[in-house]
Amino acid sequence: MSRKKLAELFTPLLDGETDAVDIGERVFCDWCDAEWTNRKESGGFLLISKAICPDCAPKVMADLIRNGELQYVRADCPEGLSFRDWCLRLRGGNNEVRITKGSL
């Protein structure tokens, strides 16, 4: 999916017209924003609630180790399962991207 198409999809969310957008079975890394929908590689991990892709995982993990923050890793993608399929499994059918509105 092109960046232009993604921008169109998320514009209502970012403009405050809606608070959720269903992205279907599309999968993106929450760290680098790369799309993983059609990729088959396994790896990556869940950092609090962010899915970190196999490409970003080594650097992010090194930073977590260096900073003593390993306790924030919630799960690892099982070997042999694609990052895409693992993310879809984590969602449990809830494919919405949500923005929670509030004040500081």
Protein backbone atom coordinates (compact mmCIF):
# COMPACT_ATOMS: atom_id res chain seq x y z
CA MET A 1 0.00 0.00 0.00
CA SER A 2 1.32 3.40 -0.92
CA ARG A 3 2.05 6.11 1.63
CA LYS A 4 -0.59 8.25 -0.07
CA LYS A 5 -3.22 5.54 0.39
CA LEU A 6 -2.21 5.12 4.04
CA ALA A 7 -2.41 8.86 4.59
CA GLU A 8 -5.95 8.82 3.16
CA LEU A 9 -6.89 5.95 5.45
CA PHE A 10 -5.58 7.63 8.59
CA THR A 11 -6.55 11.26 7.83
CA PRO A 12 -9.98 10.97 9.49
CA LEU A 13 -8.30 9.55 12.58
CA LEU A 14 -5.66 12.26 12.79
CA ASP A 15 -8.14 15.05 12.02
CA GLY A 16 -10.39 13.95 14.87
CA GLU A 17 -13.24 12.88 12.60
CA THR A 18 -13.15 9.38 14.08
CA ASP A 19 -11.39 7.58 16.89
CA ALA A 20 -10.79 4.23 15.13
CA VAL A 21 -9.87 2.87 11.70
CA ASP A 22 -10.09 -0.83 10.80
CA ILE A 23 -6.88 -1.72 8.95
CA GLY A 24 -7.97 -5.26 8.14
CA GLU A 25 -5.10 -7.72 7.92
CA ARG A 26 -2.43 -5.11 7.21
CA VAL A 27 0.58 -5.33 9.51
CA PHE A 28 3.10 -2.58 10.22
CA CYS A 29 6.05 -2.38 12.56
CA ASP A 30 5.19 -0.02 15.39
CA TRP A 31 8.82 1.15 15.53
CA CYS A 32 9.77 1.86 11.90
CA ASP A 33 6.32 1.83 10.23
CA ALA A 34 7.45 -0.69 7.59
CA GLU A 35 4.64 -2.77 6.15
CA TRP A 36 4.84 -6.52 6.81
CA THR A 37 1.53 -7.58 5.26
CA ASN A 38 3.14 -9.61 2.47
CA ARG A 39 6.37 -10.65 4.20
CA LYS A 40 7.00 -14.13 5.56
CA GLU A 41 9.98 -13.61 7.90
CA SER A 42 9.73 -14.68 11.52
CA GLY A 43 11.09 -12.76 14.48
CA GLY A 44 10.46 -9.60 16.42
CA PHE A 45 8.87 -9.01 19.80
CA LEU A 46 6.18 -7.15 21.69
CA LEU A 47 7.52 -4.14 23.60
CA ILE A 48 4.77 -3.15 26.03
CA SER A 49 2.05 -2.85 23.33
CA LYS A 50 4.27 -2.16 20.30
CA ALA A 51 5.05 -4.89 17.78
CA ILE A 52 8.75 -4.58 16.88
CA CYS A 53 9.59 -6.17 13.50
CA PRO A 54 12.49 -8.57 12.84
CA ASP A 55 14.43 -5.78 11.08
CA CYS A 56 14.26 -3.46 14.10
CA ALA A 57 14.48 -6.13 16.80
CA PRO A 58 18.30 -6.40 17.10
CA LYS A 59 18.87 -2.66 17.61
CA VAL A 60 15.87 -2.16 19.87
CA MET A 61 16.82 -5.20 21.96
CA ALA A 62 20.40 -3.95 22.30
CA ASP A 63 19.07 -0.59 23.51
CA LEU A 64 16.77 -2.31 26.02
CA ILE A 65 19.63 -4.41 27.38
CA ARG A 66 21.95 -1.40 27.61
CA ASN A 67 19.30 0.62 29.46
CA GLY A 68 18.17 -2.20 31.76
CA GLU A 69 14.66 -2.24 30.32
CA LEU A 70 14.13 -5.90 29.38
CA GLN A 71 11.14 -6.08 31.73
CA TYR A 72 9.14 -4.20 29.09
CA VAL A 73 9.36 -7.06 26.57
CA ARG A 74 6.02 -8.85 26.80
CA ALA A 75 6.43 -11.63 24.19
CA ASP A 76 8.63 -12.93 21.38
CA CYS A 77 7.39 -14.00 17.97
CA PRO A 78 7.53 -17.81 17.99
CA GLU A 79 10.13 -19.34 15.69
CA GLY A 80 8.59 -20.49 12.43
CA LEU A 81 5.61 -18.11 12.65
CA SER A 82 5.78 -15.06 10.43
CA PHE A 83 5.84 -11.66 12.12
CA ARG A 84 2.69 -10.84 10.14
CA ASP A 85 0.77 -13.90 11.34
CA TRP A 86 1.97 -13.39 14.90
CA CYS A 87 0.73 -9.76 14.90
CA LEU A 88 -2.64 -10.86 13.56
CA ARG A 89 -2.82 -13.51 16.30
CA LEU A 90 -1.97 -10.88 18.95
CA ARG A 91 -4.83 -8.71 17.69
CA GLY A 92 -7.33 -11.53 18.16
CA GLY A 93 -9.55 -10.19 15.37
CA ASN A 94 -9.49 -6.58 16.58
CA ASN A 95 -7.86 -4.84 13.62
CA GLU A 96 -8.63 -1.28 14.64
CA VAL A 97 -6.07 1.42 15.10
CA ARG A 98 -7.40 3.73 17.79
CA ILE A 99 -6.55 7.17 19.04
CA THR A 100 -7.50 7.79 22.65
CA LYS A 101 -8.42 11.40 23.18
CA GLY A 102 -7.74 13.09 26.46
CA SER A 103 -5.93 15.92 28.12
CA LEU A 104 -2.71 16.11 30.08
